[in-house]
Amino acid sequence: MNHKHYNPDRFISKSLRLRNRDYTAAGAYFVTIHALPSYSFFTIPELRQILSTTWQTLPRRFPNLKLDEFVVMPDHIHFILWLDGTRGKGLALGNIVGTYKSITTVLWLKHLKSIGKDMQYPCRIWQDDYYEHVVRLDELQPIRQYIRNNPKKSPLPPTHS
């Protein structure tokens, strides 16, 4: 291949978000976020605890947010959250997911430093993007059930909240 000339189309990743969707709109959102390492990174008990605790504390930071289902799997997490439609800076789904990823990463790094293992594990724990699905009311129970049943596919115990 000849790459002498820069081709902007080659290096632009396409957004997974719906173009005309207002991600502050009221409703339920099903989100999946994958770990960056390709192995079962979320099997580390301390990290699983950080992921769960941070999930539980998100409504303190985002009062427009209501938590629903949540599960930590060996290499990804699933959750459903509800937004109340409040508009404002930082109240969109992407900001909430970004904040969650940021807080969990900072807490993980603090944990590693506190036990003197700051370079034994990866410092980045999340893939750059995430998958989201705007949940219709008729899909809510099946998606909840999917989240609850997902750990049955894994040999490790899930962390539910």
N, C-alpha and C. Protein backbone atom coordinates (compact mmCIF):
# COMPACT_ATOMS: atom_id res chain seq x y z
N MET A 1 0.83 -1.19 0.00
CA MET A 1 0.00 0.00 0.00
C MET A 1 0.86 1.25 0.00
N ASN A 2 0.40 2.24 -0.67
CA ASN A 2 1.10 3.50 -0.74
C ASN A 2 0.40 4.50 0.17
N HIS A 3 1.08 4.94 1.23
CA HIS A 3 0.49 5.87 2.19
C HIS A 3 1.24 7.20 2.19
N LYS A 4 1.72 7.62 1.04
CA LYS A 4 2.48 8.86 0.98
C LYS A 4 1.61 10.08 1.23
N HIS A 5 0.35 9.97 0.87
CA HIS A 5 -0.54 11.12 1.03
C HIS A 5 -1.56 10.84 2.12
N TYR A 6 -1.80 11.84 2.95
CA TYR A 6 -2.77 11.70 4.04
C TYR A 6 -4.17 11.63 3.46
N ASN A 7 -4.91 10.64 3.89
CA ASN A 7 -6.30 10.47 3.47
C ASN A 7 -7.16 10.58 4.72
N PRO A 8 -7.86 11.71 4.94
CA PRO A 8 -8.63 11.88 6.17
C PRO A 8 -9.73 10.84 6.34
N ASP A 9 -10.27 10.29 5.25
CA ASP A 9 -11.32 9.29 5.37
C ASP A 9 -10.78 7.99 5.96
N ARG A 10 -9.52 7.74 5.78
CA ARG A 10 -8.92 6.50 6.27
C ARG A 10 -8.75 6.52 7.79
N PHE A 11 -8.56 7.68 8.38
CA PHE A 11 -8.22 7.78 9.78
C PHE A 11 -9.34 8.34 10.66
N ILE A 12 -10.50 8.49 10.13
CA ILE A 12 -11.63 8.99 10.91
C ILE A 12 -12.52 7.81 11.28
N SER A 13 -12.68 7.61 12.58
CA SER A 13 -13.58 6.54 13.00
C SER A 13 -15.00 7.09 13.02
N LYS A 14 -15.93 6.26 12.64
CA LYS A 14 -17.32 6.69 12.59
C LYS A 14 -17.93 6.56 13.98
N SER A 15 -18.74 7.54 14.32
CA SER A 15 -19.40 7.53 15.61
C SER A 15 -20.44 6.43 15.67
N LEU A 16 -20.57 5.83 16.84
CA LEU A 16 -21.60 4.83 17.06
C LEU A 16 -22.91 5.47 17.48
N ARG A 17 -22.91 6.77 17.75
CA ARG A 17 -24.10 7.47 18.20
C ARG A 17 -25.04 7.77 17.04
N LEU A 18 -26.32 7.82 17.34
CA LEU A 18 -27.32 8.20 16.34
C LEU A 18 -27.19 9.69 16.05
N ARG A 19 -27.19 10.05 14.80
CA ARG A 19 -26.93 11.44 14.41
C ARG A 19 -27.93 12.43 15.00
N ASN A 20 -29.18 12.13 14.94
CA ASN A 20 -30.20 13.10 15.36
C ASN A 20 -30.74 12.84 16.75
N ARG A 21 -30.09 12.00 17.51
CA ARG A 21 -30.55 11.67 18.85
C ARG A 21 -30.03 12.67 19.86
N ASP A 22 -30.93 13.16 20.70
CA ASP A 22 -30.56 14.02 21.82
C ASP A 22 -30.27 13.10 23.01
N TYR A 23 -29.02 12.96 23.37
CA TYR A 23 -28.64 12.04 24.43
C TYR A 23 -28.78 12.62 25.83
N THR A 24 -29.56 13.72 25.94
CA THR A 24 -30.04 14.17 27.24
C THR A 24 -31.53 13.84 27.37
N ALA A 25 -32.12 13.30 26.31
CA ALA A 25 -33.55 13.01 26.29
C ALA A 25 -33.92 11.99 27.37
N ALA A 26 -35.11 12.19 27.92
CA ALA A 26 -35.60 11.28 28.95
C ALA A 26 -35.76 9.88 28.37
N GLY A 27 -35.40 8.89 29.17
CA GLY A 27 -35.55 7.51 28.75
C GLY A 27 -34.48 6.63 29.31
N ALA A 28 -34.59 5.35 28.96
CA ALA A 28 -33.63 4.34 29.42
C ALA A 28 -32.59 4.09 28.33
N TYR A 29 -31.37 3.87 28.78
CA TYR A 29 -30.26 3.60 27.87
C TYR A 29 -29.53 2.35 28.37
N PHE A 30 -29.32 1.41 27.45
CA PHE A 30 -28.56 0.19 27.73
C PHE A 30 -27.15 0.44 27.23
N VAL A 31 -26.17 0.29 28.10
CA VAL A 31 -24.79 0.61 27.77
C VAL A 31 -23.89 -0.59 28.05
N THR A 32 -22.95 -0.82 27.15
CA THR A 32 -21.90 -1.82 27.33
C THR A 32 -20.56 -1.12 27.13
N ILE A 33 -19.66 -1.32 28.08
CA ILE A 33 -18.31 -0.75 27.98
C ILE A 33 -17.33 -1.91 28.13
N HIS A 34 -16.38 -1.99 27.23
CA HIS A 34 -15.40 -3.08 27.24
C HIS A 34 -14.08 -2.64 27.85
N ALA A 35 -13.44 -3.59 28.51
CA ALA A 35 -12.11 -3.36 29.06
C ALA A 35 -11.10 -3.26 27.92
N LEU A 36 -10.08 -2.48 28.13
CA LEU A 36 -9.05 -2.34 27.10
C LEU A 36 -8.18 -3.59 26.99
N PRO A 37 -7.70 -4.13 28.09
CA PRO A 37 -6.91 -5.36 27.94
C PRO A 37 -7.76 -6.48 27.36
N SER A 38 -7.12 -7.36 26.63
CA SER A 38 -7.86 -8.42 25.96
C SER A 38 -8.11 -9.63 26.85
N TYR A 39 -7.69 -9.57 28.08
CA TYR A 39 -7.91 -10.70 28.98
C TYR A 39 -8.99 -10.33 30.01
N SER A 40 -9.26 -11.21 30.92
CA SER A 40 -10.33 -11.01 31.91
C SER A 40 -9.88 -10.07 33.02
N PHE A 41 -9.73 -8.83 32.67
CA PHE A 41 -9.19 -7.80 33.55
C PHE A 41 -10.11 -7.52 34.74
N PHE A 42 -11.41 -7.62 34.54
CA PHE A 42 -12.35 -7.27 35.60
C PHE A 42 -12.57 -8.41 36.60
N THR A 43 -11.73 -9.43 36.56
CA THR A 43 -11.79 -10.49 37.56
C THR A 43 -11.03 -10.11 38.82
N ILE A 44 -10.27 -9.04 38.78
CA ILE A 44 -9.51 -8.58 39.94
C ILE A 44 -10.51 -8.01 40.95
N PRO A 45 -10.61 -8.61 42.14
CA PRO A 45 -11.66 -8.21 43.10
C PRO A 45 -11.67 -6.71 43.44
N GLU A 46 -10.51 -6.12 43.62
CA GLU A 46 -10.45 -4.70 43.96
C GLU A 46 -11.00 -3.83 42.83
N LEU A 47 -10.70 -4.20 41.61
CA LEU A 47 -11.21 -3.44 40.47
C LEU A 47 -12.72 -3.62 40.34
N ARG A 48 -13.19 -4.84 40.53
CA ARG A 48 -14.64 -5.09 40.48
C ARG A 48 -15.36 -4.23 41.52
N GLN A 49 -14.76 -4.10 42.70
CA GLN A 49 -15.36 -3.28 43.76
C GLN A 49 -15.40 -1.81 43.35
N ILE A 50 -14.31 -1.34 42.77
CA ILE A 50 -14.27 0.06 42.30
C ILE A 50 -15.36 0.29 41.26
N LEU A 51 -15.51 -0.63 40.31
CA LEU A 51 -16.52 -0.48 39.26
C LEU A 51 -17.92 -0.43 39.85
N SER A 52 -18.21 -1.30 40.80
CA SER A 52 -19.54 -1.35 41.41
C SER A 52 -19.83 -0.13 42.29
N THR A 53 -18.87 0.23 43.11
CA THR A 53 -19.07 1.37 44.01
C THR A 53 -19.24 2.66 43.22
N THR A 54 -18.45 2.84 42.20
CA THR A 54 -18.57 4.05 41.38
C THR A 54 -19.93 4.11 40.70
N TRP A 55 -20.42 2.97 40.23
CA TRP A 55 -21.77 2.91 39.64
C TRP A 55 -22.81 3.41 40.64
N GLN A 56 -22.72 2.92 41.87
CA GLN A 56 -23.71 3.29 42.89
C GLN A 56 -23.67 4.78 43.25
N THR A 57 -22.51 5.41 43.10
CA THR A 57 -22.39 6.81 43.48
C THR A 57 -22.66 7.80 42.35
N LEU A 58 -22.88 7.32 41.14
CA LEU A 58 -23.12 8.23 40.01
C LEU A 58 -24.29 9.20 40.22
N PRO A 59 -25.41 8.79 40.83
CA PRO A 59 -26.51 9.75 41.00
C PRO A 59 -26.16 10.95 41.89
N ARG A 60 -25.16 10.83 42.74
CA ARG A 60 -24.73 12.00 43.52
C ARG A 60 -24.15 13.08 42.62
N ARG A 61 -23.46 12.65 41.59
CA ARG A 61 -22.84 13.58 40.65
C ARG A 61 -23.83 14.04 39.58
N PHE A 62 -24.75 13.15 39.21
CA PHE A 62 -25.73 13.42 38.16
C PHE A 62 -27.14 13.21 38.70
N PRO A 63 -27.75 14.26 39.25
CA PRO A 63 -29.10 14.10 39.83
C PRO A 63 -30.17 13.78 38.79
N ASN A 64 -29.86 13.93 37.52
CA ASN A 64 -30.81 13.61 36.45
C ASN A 64 -30.78 12.13 36.09
N LEU A 65 -30.05 11.34 36.86
CA LEU A 65 -29.78 9.95 36.55
C LEU A 65 -30.44 9.02 37.55
N LYS A 66 -31.05 7.97 37.03
CA LYS A 66 -31.59 6.90 37.88
C LYS A 66 -30.94 5.59 37.42
N LEU A 67 -30.44 4.83 38.37
CA LEU A 67 -29.77 3.57 38.06
C LEU A 67 -30.77 2.44 37.93
N ASP A 68 -30.46 1.50 37.06
CA ASP A 68 -31.29 0.32 36.86
C ASP A 68 -30.37 -0.90 37.02
N GLU A 69 -30.34 -1.79 36.07
CA GLU A 69 -29.51 -2.99 36.13
C GLU A 69 -28.04 -2.66 35.92
N PHE A 70 -27.18 -3.52 36.48
CA PHE A 70 -25.73 -3.35 36.35
C PHE A 70 -25.07 -4.70 36.60
N VAL A 71 -24.09 -5.04 35.78
CA VAL A 71 -23.30 -6.25 36.03
C VAL A 71 -21.89 -6.04 35.51
N VAL A 72 -20.92 -6.56 36.28
CA VAL A 72 -19.53 -6.55 35.87
C VAL A 72 -19.21 -7.95 35.38
N MET A 73 -18.75 -8.05 34.16
CA MET A 73 -18.32 -9.31 33.56
C MET A 73 -16.79 -9.31 33.52
N PRO A 74 -16.16 -10.41 33.15
CA PRO A 74 -14.69 -10.46 33.16
C PRO A 74 -14.01 -9.42 32.27
N ASP A 75 -14.62 -9.04 31.16
CA ASP A 75 -13.97 -8.08 30.26
C ASP A 75 -14.88 -6.95 29.79
N HIS A 76 -16.04 -6.79 30.42
CA HIS A 76 -16.95 -5.70 30.06
C HIS A 76 -17.98 -5.50 31.16
N ILE A 77 -18.69 -4.39 31.08
CA ILE A 77 -19.82 -4.16 31.98
C ILE A 77 -21.05 -3.85 31.14
N HIS A 78 -22.20 -4.18 31.69
CA HIS A 78 -23.49 -3.80 31.10
C HIS A 78 -24.25 -3.01 32.15
N PHE A 79 -25.00 -2.03 31.70
CA PHE A 79 -25.92 -1.38 32.62
C PHE A 79 -27.05 -0.69 31.87
N ILE A 80 -28.10 -0.44 32.62
CA ILE A 80 -29.21 0.38 32.14
C ILE A 80 -29.29 1.56 33.08
N LEU A 81 -29.37 2.74 32.52
CA LEU A 81 -29.61 3.93 33.32
C LEU A 81 -30.74 4.72 32.68
N TRP A 82 -31.35 5.54 33.49
CA TRP A 82 -32.47 6.38 33.05
C TRP A 82 -32.06 7.84 33.19
N LEU A 83 -32.35 8.63 32.16
CA LEU A 83 -32.17 10.07 32.22
C LEU A 83 -33.55 10.70 32.30
N ASP A 84 -33.64 11.82 33.03
CA ASP A 84 -34.94 12.46 33.21
C ASP A 84 -35.23 13.56 32.19
N GLY A 85 -34.31 13.78 31.27
CA GLY A 85 -34.52 14.78 30.23
C GLY A 85 -33.98 16.15 30.57
N THR A 86 -33.33 16.29 31.72
CA THR A 86 -32.72 17.56 32.11
C THR A 86 -31.62 17.90 31.11
N ARG A 87 -31.69 19.11 30.60
CA ARG A 87 -30.66 19.55 29.66
C ARG A 87 -29.66 20.42 30.41
N GLY A 88 -28.44 20.32 29.99
CA GLY A 88 -27.40 21.13 30.61
C GLY A 88 -26.04 20.54 30.34
N LYS A 89 -25.04 21.33 30.65
CA LYS A 89 -23.67 20.89 30.40
C LYS A 89 -23.36 19.65 31.24
N GLY A 90 -22.87 18.63 30.59
CA GLY A 90 -22.45 17.43 31.28
C GLY A 90 -23.56 16.46 31.63
N LEU A 91 -24.79 16.71 31.18
CA LEU A 91 -25.90 15.85 31.56
C LEU A 91 -26.28 14.85 30.48
N ALA A 92 -25.52 14.80 29.41
CA ALA A 92 -25.80 13.86 28.32
C ALA A 92 -25.17 12.50 28.64
N LEU A 93 -25.70 11.47 28.01
CA LEU A 93 -25.23 10.10 28.24
C LEU A 93 -23.72 9.98 28.08
N GLY A 94 -23.16 10.54 27.03
CA GLY A 94 -21.72 10.45 26.79
C GLY A 94 -20.89 11.04 27.91
N ASN A 95 -21.36 12.14 28.49
CA ASN A 95 -20.64 12.75 29.61
C ASN A 95 -20.71 11.85 30.85
N ILE A 96 -21.85 11.22 31.06
CA ILE A 96 -22.01 10.33 32.21
C ILE A 96 -21.10 9.12 32.06
N VAL A 97 -21.11 8.51 30.88
CA VAL A 97 -20.25 7.35 30.64
C VAL A 97 -18.78 7.75 30.75
N GLY A 98 -18.42 8.89 30.18
CA GLY A 98 -17.04 9.38 30.27
C GLY A 98 -16.61 9.63 31.70
N THR A 99 -17.50 10.20 32.49
CA THR A 99 -17.20 10.45 33.90
C THR A 99 -17.00 9.13 34.64
N TYR A 100 -17.88 8.17 34.39
CA TYR A 100 -17.75 6.86 35.02
C TYR A 100 -16.39 6.24 34.69
N LYS A 101 -16.03 6.25 33.42
CA LYS A 101 -14.77 5.68 33.00
C LYS A 101 -13.59 6.40 33.64
N SER A 102 -13.67 7.72 33.73
CA SER A 102 -12.60 8.52 34.31
C SER A 102 -12.44 8.25 35.80
N ILE A 103 -13.56 8.27 36.53
CA ILE A 103 -13.49 8.05 37.98
C ILE A 103 -12.94 6.66 38.29
N THR A 104 -13.44 5.65 37.58
CA THR A 104 -12.97 4.30 37.87
C THR A 104 -11.49 4.14 37.56
N THR A 105 -11.02 4.78 36.50
CA THR A 105 -9.59 4.71 36.16
C THR A 105 -8.75 5.39 37.23
N VAL A 106 -9.16 6.56 37.68
CA VAL A 106 -8.41 7.27 38.72
C VAL A 106 -8.37 6.46 40.01
N LEU A 107 -9.50 5.90 40.40
CA LEU A 107 -9.54 5.09 41.62
C LEU A 107 -8.68 3.83 41.49
N TRP A 108 -8.68 3.23 40.31
CA TRP A 108 -7.84 2.05 40.08
C TRP A 108 -6.36 2.41 40.20
N LEU A 109 -5.96 3.52 39.60
CA LEU A 109 -4.57 3.94 39.68
C LEU A 109 -4.16 4.26 41.12
N LYS A 110 -5.06 4.91 41.87
CA LYS A 110 -4.77 5.18 43.28
C LYS A 110 -4.60 3.88 44.06
N HIS A 111 -5.45 2.91 43.77
CA HIS A 111 -5.33 1.61 44.43
C HIS A 111 -3.98 0.96 44.11
N LEU A 112 -3.61 0.97 42.84
CA LEU A 112 -2.33 0.35 42.45
C LEU A 112 -1.15 1.03 43.14
N LYS A 113 -1.19 2.35 43.21
CA LYS A 113 -0.09 3.08 43.86
C LYS A 113 -0.06 2.76 45.35
N SER A 114 -1.24 2.62 45.96
CA SER A 114 -1.29 2.36 47.40
C SER A 114 -0.71 0.99 47.77
N ILE A 115 -0.75 0.06 46.84
CA ILE A 115 -0.18 -1.27 47.12
C ILE A 115 1.17 -1.46 46.45
N GLY A 116 1.69 -0.41 45.83
CA GLY A 116 3.02 -0.46 45.23
C GLY A 116 3.10 -1.26 43.95
N LYS A 117 2.00 -1.38 43.24
CA LYS A 117 2.00 -2.15 42.00
C LYS A 117 1.52 -1.30 40.82
N ASP A 118 1.95 -0.08 40.79
CA ASP A 118 1.41 0.82 39.79
C ASP A 118 1.77 0.47 38.35
N MET A 119 2.76 -0.35 38.11
CA MET A 119 3.09 -0.69 36.73
C MET A 119 2.91 -2.17 36.42
N GLN A 120 2.40 -2.96 37.37
CA GLN A 120 2.17 -4.37 37.10
C GLN A 120 0.90 -4.61 36.30
N TYR A 121 0.00 -3.68 36.36
CA TYR A 121 -1.27 -3.78 35.63
C TYR A 121 -1.37 -2.61 34.66
N PRO A 122 -2.18 -2.74 33.63
CA PRO A 122 -2.36 -1.61 32.71
C PRO A 122 -2.96 -0.41 33.42
N CYS A 123 -2.55 0.77 33.00
CA CYS A 123 -3.10 2.00 33.58
C CYS A 123 -4.41 2.39 32.90
N ARG A 124 -4.53 2.09 31.64
CA ARG A 124 -5.79 2.34 30.93
C ARG A 124 -6.63 1.08 31.06
N ILE A 125 -7.87 1.25 31.49
CA ILE A 125 -8.71 0.07 31.69
C ILE A 125 -9.88 -0.01 30.71
N TRP A 126 -10.16 1.06 29.99
CA TRP A 126 -11.34 1.09 29.11
C TRP A 126 -10.98 1.25 27.64
N GLN A 127 -11.74 0.61 26.77
CA GLN A 127 -11.67 0.93 25.35
C GLN A 127 -12.20 2.35 25.18
N ASP A 128 -11.83 2.98 24.08
CA ASP A 128 -12.20 4.39 23.88
C ASP A 128 -13.70 4.62 23.78
N ASP A 129 -14.42 3.75 23.15
CA ASP A 129 -15.83 3.98 22.90
C ASP A 129 -16.69 3.12 23.81
N TYR A 130 -17.96 3.15 23.57
CA TYR A 130 -18.91 2.31 24.29
C TYR A 130 -20.09 2.06 23.37
N TYR A 131 -20.85 1.04 23.68
CA TYR A 131 -22.04 0.73 22.91
C TYR A 131 -23.24 1.19 23.71
N GLU A 132 -24.18 1.87 23.07
CA GLU A 132 -25.42 2.25 23.75
C GLU A 132 -26.59 1.90 22.87
N HIS A 133 -27.71 1.68 23.52
CA HIS A 133 -28.96 1.39 22.83
C HIS A 133 -30.06 2.13 23.58
N VAL A 134 -30.82 2.93 22.87
CA VAL A 134 -31.97 3.61 23.46
C VAL A 134 -33.05 2.54 23.64
N VAL A 135 -33.48 2.36 24.87
CA VAL A 135 -34.39 1.26 25.20
C VAL A 135 -35.85 1.69 25.07
N ARG A 136 -36.58 0.98 24.24
CA ARG A 136 -38.04 1.17 24.18
C ARG A 136 -38.65 0.41 25.35
N LEU A 137 -39.80 0.85 25.81
CA LEU A 137 -40.42 0.23 26.98
C LEU A 137 -40.68 -1.26 26.78
N ASP A 138 -41.03 -1.67 25.55
CA ASP A 138 -41.28 -3.09 25.31
C ASP A 138 -39.99 -3.92 25.33
N GLU A 139 -38.83 -3.27 25.27
CA GLU A 139 -37.54 -3.96 25.31
C GLU A 139 -36.95 -4.02 26.72
N LEU A 140 -37.49 -3.24 27.63
CA LEU A 140 -36.87 -3.08 28.94
C LEU A 140 -36.70 -4.39 29.70
N GLN A 141 -37.75 -5.15 29.84
CA GLN A 141 -37.65 -6.42 30.59
C GLN A 141 -36.71 -7.42 29.92
N PRO A 142 -36.79 -7.60 28.59
CA PRO A 142 -35.83 -8.52 27.96
C PRO A 142 -34.36 -8.09 28.12
N ILE A 143 -34.11 -6.79 28.08
CA ILE A 143 -32.73 -6.32 28.26
C ILE A 143 -32.29 -6.52 29.71
N ARG A 144 -33.18 -6.24 30.65
CA ARG A 144 -32.85 -6.52 32.05
C ARG A 144 -32.52 -7.99 32.23
N GLN A 145 -33.32 -8.84 31.63
CA GLN A 145 -33.09 -10.27 31.74
C GLN A 145 -31.77 -10.68 31.10
N TYR A 146 -31.46 -10.06 29.97
CA TYR A 146 -30.18 -10.32 29.31
C TYR A 146 -29.02 -9.98 30.26
N ILE A 147 -29.09 -8.83 30.91
CA ILE A 147 -28.04 -8.42 31.83
C ILE A 147 -27.94 -9.42 32.99
N ARG A 148 -29.07 -9.80 33.54
CA ARG A 148 -29.07 -10.76 34.66
C ARG A 148 -28.52 -12.12 34.24
N ASN A 149 -28.83 -12.55 33.02
CA ASN A 149 -28.41 -13.87 32.56
C ASN A 149 -27.00 -13.89 31.98
N ASN A 150 -26.45 -12.75 31.63
CA ASN A 150 -25.14 -12.68 30.99
C ASN A 150 -24.06 -13.39 31.79
N PRO A 151 -24.05 -13.29 33.12
CA PRO A 151 -23.01 -13.98 33.89
C PRO A 151 -23.05 -15.50 33.78
N LYS A 152 -24.16 -16.06 33.39
CA LYS A 152 -24.25 -17.51 33.25
C LYS A 152 -23.33 -18.01 32.13
N LYS A 153 -22.93 -17.10 31.24
CA LYS A 153 -22.03 -17.46 30.15
C LYS A 153 -20.57 -17.45 30.61
N SER A 154 -20.32 -16.94 31.82
CA SER A 154 -18.97 -16.78 32.33
C SER A 154 -18.73 -17.72 33.50
N PRO A 155 -17.53 -18.27 33.62
CA PRO A 155 -17.25 -19.15 34.76
C PRO A 155 -17.01 -18.37 36.06
N LEU A 156 -16.96 -17.03 35.97
CA LEU A 156 -16.65 -16.22 37.16
C LEU A 156 -17.92 -15.66 37.76
N PRO A 157 -17.93 -15.44 39.08
CA PRO A 157 -19.12 -14.86 39.69
C PRO A 157 -19.29 -13.41 39.26
N PRO A 158 -20.52 -13.01 38.95
CA PRO A 158 -20.76 -11.64 38.53
C PRO A 158 -20.82 -10.70 39.72
N THR A 159 -20.69 -9.43 39.46
CA THR A 159 -20.91 -8.39 40.46
C THR A 159 -22.15 -7.65 40.01
N HIS A 160 -23.23 -7.81 40.74
CA HIS A 160 -24.49 -7.12 40.43
C HIS A 160 -24.66 -5.95 41.39
N SER A 161 -25.40 -4.98 40.94
CA SER A 161 -25.79 -3.88 41.84
C SER A 161 -27.24 -3.59 41.59
